[in-house]
Amino acid sequence: MHVFFTNDGGRFDLSGCGRACHSTRVKFVIVISYAFASSISGLSSIGRLAAQAAEITLLCANSSSGTTWNLKIDDERQTADSFPAEFTTTRIAWHDSVRGGFYDLDRKSGLLTFRNASSTGGYILYHQCHVN
């Protein structure tokens, strides 16, 4: 049973949440551990947070047509082009709920993969992105 206490002395229980809450609990523990370690070591975490909070604009290009566009990545809000995104150390993934399709950006190479389903089986497009 996982019970967390709030600032006002209340408590809430996450035990009935199942697998869906596991990643949230892990992220919560990581954030709390980081804050605790920073506070006892005397290091200010402000500099690190400011560096991660920056919005980065990438210039992406379709190698076939030559079309280019800007892609905005916001580490603080965990968004890509204003859509909620999953950030890992190696990739950023998101779903464009307006135009459809799923995007995967390789953080090291800048390779942007676009996947879209269709009645004929779907298709995959590859684009290249770099810091603007």
C-alpha atoms as a PDB file:
ATOM      1  CA  MET A   1       0.000   0.000   0.000  1.00  0.00           C
ATOM      2  CA  HIS A   2       1.382   3.398  -1.014  1.00  0.00           C
ATOM      3  CA  VAL A   3       0.164   6.251   1.160  1.00  0.00           C
ATOM      4  CA  PHE A   4       1.422   9.802   0.723  1.00  0.00           C
ATOM      5  CA  PHE A   5       0.815  12.682   3.100  1.00  0.00           C
ATOM      6  CA  THR A   6      -0.093  16.183   1.948  1.00  0.00           C
ATOM      7  CA  ASN A   7       1.070  19.510   3.421  1.00  0.00           C
ATOM      8  CA  ASP A   8      -2.155  19.993   5.364  1.00  0.00           C
ATOM      9  CA  GLY A   9      -1.868  16.643   7.143  1.00  0.00           C
ATOM     10  CA  GLY A  10      -4.285  14.871   4.817  1.00  0.00           C
ATOM     11  CA  ARG A  11      -3.389  11.682   2.987  1.00  0.00           C
ATOM     12  CA  PHE A  12      -4.240   9.921  -0.203  1.00  0.00           C
ATOM     13  CA  ASP A  13      -3.867   6.300  -1.218  1.00  0.00           C
ATOM     14  CA  LEU A  14      -2.484   5.123  -4.570  1.00  0.00           C
ATOM     15  CA  SER A  15      -2.713   1.386  -3.924  1.00  0.00           C
ATOM     16  CA  GLY A  16      -5.784   0.887  -6.132  1.00  0.00           C
ATOM     17  CA  CYS A  17      -4.207   2.650  -9.061  1.00  0.00           C
ATOM     18  CA  GLY A  18      -2.396  -0.377 -10.552  1.00  0.00           C
ATOM     19  CA  ARG A  19       0.224  -0.228 -13.311  1.00  0.00           C
ATOM     20  CA  ALA A  20      -1.047   3.094 -14.659  1.00  0.00           C
ATOM     21  CA  CYS A  21       0.263   4.951 -11.624  1.00  0.00           C
ATOM     22  CA  HIS A  22       3.577   3.109 -11.385  1.00  0.00           C
ATOM     23  CA  SER A  23       5.458   5.535 -13.649  1.00  0.00           C
ATOM     24  CA  THR A  24       3.915   8.492 -11.816  1.00  0.00           C
ATOM     25  CA  ARG A  25       5.052   7.075  -8.481  1.00  0.00           C
ATOM     26  CA  VAL A  26       8.551   6.464  -9.859  1.00  0.00           C
ATOM     27  CA  LYS A  27       8.778  10.046 -11.190  1.00  0.00           C
ATOM     28  CA  PHE A  28       7.485  11.364  -7.856  1.00  0.00           C
ATOM     29  CA  VAL A  29      10.141   9.417  -5.953  1.00  0.00           C
ATOM     30  CA  ILE A  30      12.882  10.623  -8.320  1.00  0.00           C
ATOM     31  CA  VAL A  31      11.836  14.270  -7.909  1.00  0.00           C
ATOM     32  CA  ILE A  32      11.589  13.978  -4.133  1.00  0.00           C
ATOM     33  CA  SER A  33      14.959  12.187  -3.964  1.00  0.00           C
ATOM     34  CA  TYR A  34      16.588  14.878  -6.111  1.00  0.00           C
ATOM     35  CA  ALA A  35      15.124  17.674  -3.980  1.00  0.00           C
ATOM     36  CA  PHE A  36      16.211  15.959  -0.777  1.00  0.00           C
ATOM     37  CA  ALA A  37      19.737  15.291  -2.058  1.00  0.00           C
ATOM     38  CA  SER A  38      20.085  18.907  -3.222  1.00  0.00           C
ATOM     39  CA  SER A  39      18.881  20.295   0.074  1.00  0.00           C
ATOM     40  CA  ILE A  40      21.238  18.243   2.217  1.00  0.00           C
ATOM     41  CA  SER A  41      24.226  18.829  -0.033  1.00  0.00           C
ATOM     42  CA  GLY A  42      23.730  22.596   0.067  1.00  0.00           C
ATOM     43  CA  LEU A  43      23.631  22.849  -3.731  1.00  0.00           C
ATOM     44  CA  SER A  44      21.104  25.110  -5.321  1.00  0.00           C
ATOM     45  CA  SER A  45      18.973  23.324  -7.872  1.00  0.00           C
ATOM     46  CA  ILE A  46      17.899  26.563  -9.544  1.00  0.00           C
ATOM     47  CA  GLY A  47      20.669  26.502 -12.146  1.00  0.00           C
ATOM     48  CA  ARG A  48      19.896  22.965 -13.223  1.00  0.00           C
ATOM     49  CA  LEU A  49      16.168  23.567 -13.452  1.00  0.00           C
ATOM     50  CA  ALA A  50      16.652  26.734 -15.485  1.00  0.00           C
ATOM     51  CA  ALA A  51      18.842  24.870 -17.958  1.00  0.00           C
ATOM     52  CA  GLN A  52      16.197  22.176 -18.413  1.00  0.00           C
ATOM     53  CA  ALA A  53      13.290  24.629 -18.558  1.00  0.00           C
ATOM     54  CA  ALA A  54      14.373  26.175 -21.837  1.00  0.00           C
ATOM     55  CA  GLU A  55      12.205  25.791 -24.884  1.00  0.00           C
ATOM     56  CA  ILE A  56      14.261  24.557 -27.815  1.00  0.00           C
ATOM     57  CA  THR A  57      13.316  25.213 -31.429  1.00  0.00           C
ATOM     58  CA  LEU A  58      14.494  22.654 -33.955  1.00  0.00           C
ATOM     59  CA  LEU A  59      14.502  23.086 -37.717  1.00  0.00           C
ATOM     60  CA  CYS A  60      13.189  19.914 -39.358  1.00  0.00           C
ATOM     61  CA  ALA A  61      13.399  19.062 -43.050  1.00  0.00           C
ATOM     62  CA  ASN A  62      11.709  16.578 -45.327  1.00  0.00           C
ATOM     63  CA  SER A  63      14.628  15.187 -47.317  1.00  0.00           C
ATOM     64  CA  SER A  64      12.401  14.285 -50.286  1.00  0.00           C
ATOM     65  CA  SER A  65      10.612  17.604 -50.825  1.00  0.00           C
ATOM     66  CA  GLY A  66      12.984  19.982 -49.053  1.00  0.00           C
ATOM     67  CA  THR A  67      10.119  21.388 -46.966  1.00  0.00           C
ATOM     68  CA  THR A  68      11.262  22.777 -43.602  1.00  0.00           C
ATOM     69  CA  TRP A  69       9.361  23.665 -40.424  1.00  0.00           C
ATOM     70  CA  ASN A  70      10.083  24.566 -36.813  1.00  0.00           C
ATOM     71  CA  LEU A  71       9.523  22.063 -34.013  1.00  0.00           C
ATOM     72  CA  LYS A  72       9.276  23.449 -30.472  1.00  0.00           C
ATOM     73  CA  ILE A  73      10.361  21.183 -27.624  1.00  0.00           C
ATOM     74  CA  ASP A  74       9.638  22.287 -24.048  1.00  0.00           C
ATOM     75  CA  ASP A  75      11.408  20.170 -21.426  1.00  0.00           C
ATOM     76  CA  GLU A  76       9.700  21.896 -18.503  1.00  0.00           C
ATOM     77  CA  ARG A  77       6.162  21.350 -19.776  1.00  0.00           C
ATOM     78  CA  GLN A  78       7.037  17.991 -21.377  1.00  0.00           C
ATOM     79  CA  THR A  79       5.565  19.057 -24.718  1.00  0.00           C
ATOM     80  CA  ALA A  80       6.493  18.869 -28.393  1.00  0.00           C
ATOM     81  CA  ASP A  81       4.685  21.392 -30.617  1.00  0.00           C
ATOM     82  CA  SER A  82       2.345  21.983 -27.651  1.00  0.00           C
ATOM     83  CA  PHE A  83       1.293  18.304 -27.545  1.00  0.00           C
ATOM     84  CA  PRO A  84       1.986  16.208 -24.425  1.00  0.00           C
ATOM     85  CA  ALA A  85       5.144  14.183 -25.011  1.00  0.00           C
ATOM     86  CA  GLU A  86       7.042  11.315 -23.415  1.00  0.00           C
ATOM     87  CA  PHE A  87      10.648  12.323 -22.734  1.00  0.00           C
ATOM     88  CA  THR A  88      13.397   9.750 -22.188  1.00  0.00           C
ATOM     89  CA  THR A  89      17.169  10.070 -22.360  1.00  0.00           C
ATOM     90  CA  THR A  90      17.188   8.790 -25.950  1.00  0.00           C
ATOM     91  CA  ARG A  91      13.926   9.966 -27.525  1.00  0.00           C
ATOM     92  CA  ILE A  92      10.907  12.248 -27.409  1.00  0.00           C
ATOM     93  CA  ALA A  93       7.578  10.752 -28.522  1.00  0.00           C
ATOM     94  CA  TRP A  94       4.170  12.376 -29.001  1.00  0.00           C
ATOM     95  CA  HIS A  95       0.832  12.077 -30.801  1.00  0.00           C
ATOM     96  CA  ASP A  96      -0.533  14.907 -32.935  1.00  0.00           C
ATOM     97  CA  SER A  97      -4.201  14.811 -31.946  1.00  0.00           C
ATOM     98  CA  VAL A  98      -5.143  17.551 -34.449  1.00  0.00           C
ATOM     99  CA  ARG A  99      -3.721  16.182 -37.724  1.00  0.00           C
ATOM    100  CA  GLY A 100      -3.164  12.609 -36.553  1.00  0.00           C
ATOM    101  CA  GLY A 101      -0.007  10.553 -36.500  1.00  0.00           C
ATOM    102  CA  PHE A 102       2.699   9.627 -34.035  1.00  0.00           C
ATOM    103  CA  TYR A 103       6.150  11.206 -33.853  1.00  0.00           C
ATOM    104  CA  ASP A 104       9.435   9.869 -32.449  1.00  0.00           C
ATOM    105  CA  LEU A 105      12.474  12.155 -32.260  1.00  0.00           C
ATOM    106  CA  ASP A 106      15.856  10.529 -31.661  1.00  0.00           C
ATOM    107  CA  ARG A 107      17.600  12.965 -29.314  1.00  0.00           C
ATOM    108  CA  LYS A 108      21.110  12.040 -30.450  1.00  0.00           C
ATOM    109  CA  SER A 109      20.800  11.908 -34.238  1.00  0.00           C
ATOM    110  CA  GLY A 110      17.855  14.291 -34.769  1.00  0.00           C
ATOM    111  CA  LEU A 111      15.997  11.673 -36.825  1.00  0.00           C
ATOM    112  CA  LEU A 112      12.256  12.389 -36.688  1.00  0.00           C
ATOM    113  CA  THR A 113      10.026   9.420 -37.511  1.00  0.00           C
ATOM    114  CA  PHE A 114       6.368  10.018 -38.367  1.00  0.00           C
ATOM    115  CA  ARG A 115       3.934   7.064 -38.286  1.00  0.00           C
ATOM    116  CA  ASN A 116       0.363   7.297 -39.508  1.00  0.00           C
ATOM    117  CA  ALA A 117      -2.284   4.597 -39.764  1.00  0.00           C
ATOM    118  CA  SER A 118      -4.624   4.442 -42.738  1.00  0.00           C
ATOM    119  CA  SER A 119      -7.173   2.083 -44.254  1.00  0.00           C
ATOM    120  CA  THR A 120      -4.449   0.714 -46.549  1.00  0.00           C
ATOM    121  CA  GLY A 121      -2.059  -0.098 -43.711  1.00  0.00           C
ATOM    122  CA  GLY A 122      -0.440   3.240 -42.995  1.00  0.00           C
ATOM    123  CA  TYR A 123       2.936   4.723 -43.739  1.00  0.00           C
ATOM    124  CA  ILE A 124       6.159   5.961 -42.133  1.00  0.00           C
ATOM    125  CA  LEU A 125       8.072   9.124 -43.065  1.00  0.00           C
ATOM    126  CA  TYR A 126      11.577  10.095 -41.955  1.00  0.00           C
ATOM    127  CA  HIS A 127      12.766  13.671 -41.462  1.00  0.00           C
ATOM    128  CA  GLN A 128      15.956  15.236 -40.114  1.00  0.00           C
ATOM    129  CA  CYS A 129      15.966  17.884 -37.366  1.00  0.00           C
ATOM    130  CA  HIS A 130      18.718  20.057 -35.907  1.00  0.00           C
ATOM    131  CA  VAL A 131      18.926  22.981 -33.492  1.00  0.00           C
ATOM    132  CA  ASN A 132      17.765  26.151 -35.220  1.00  0.00           C
END
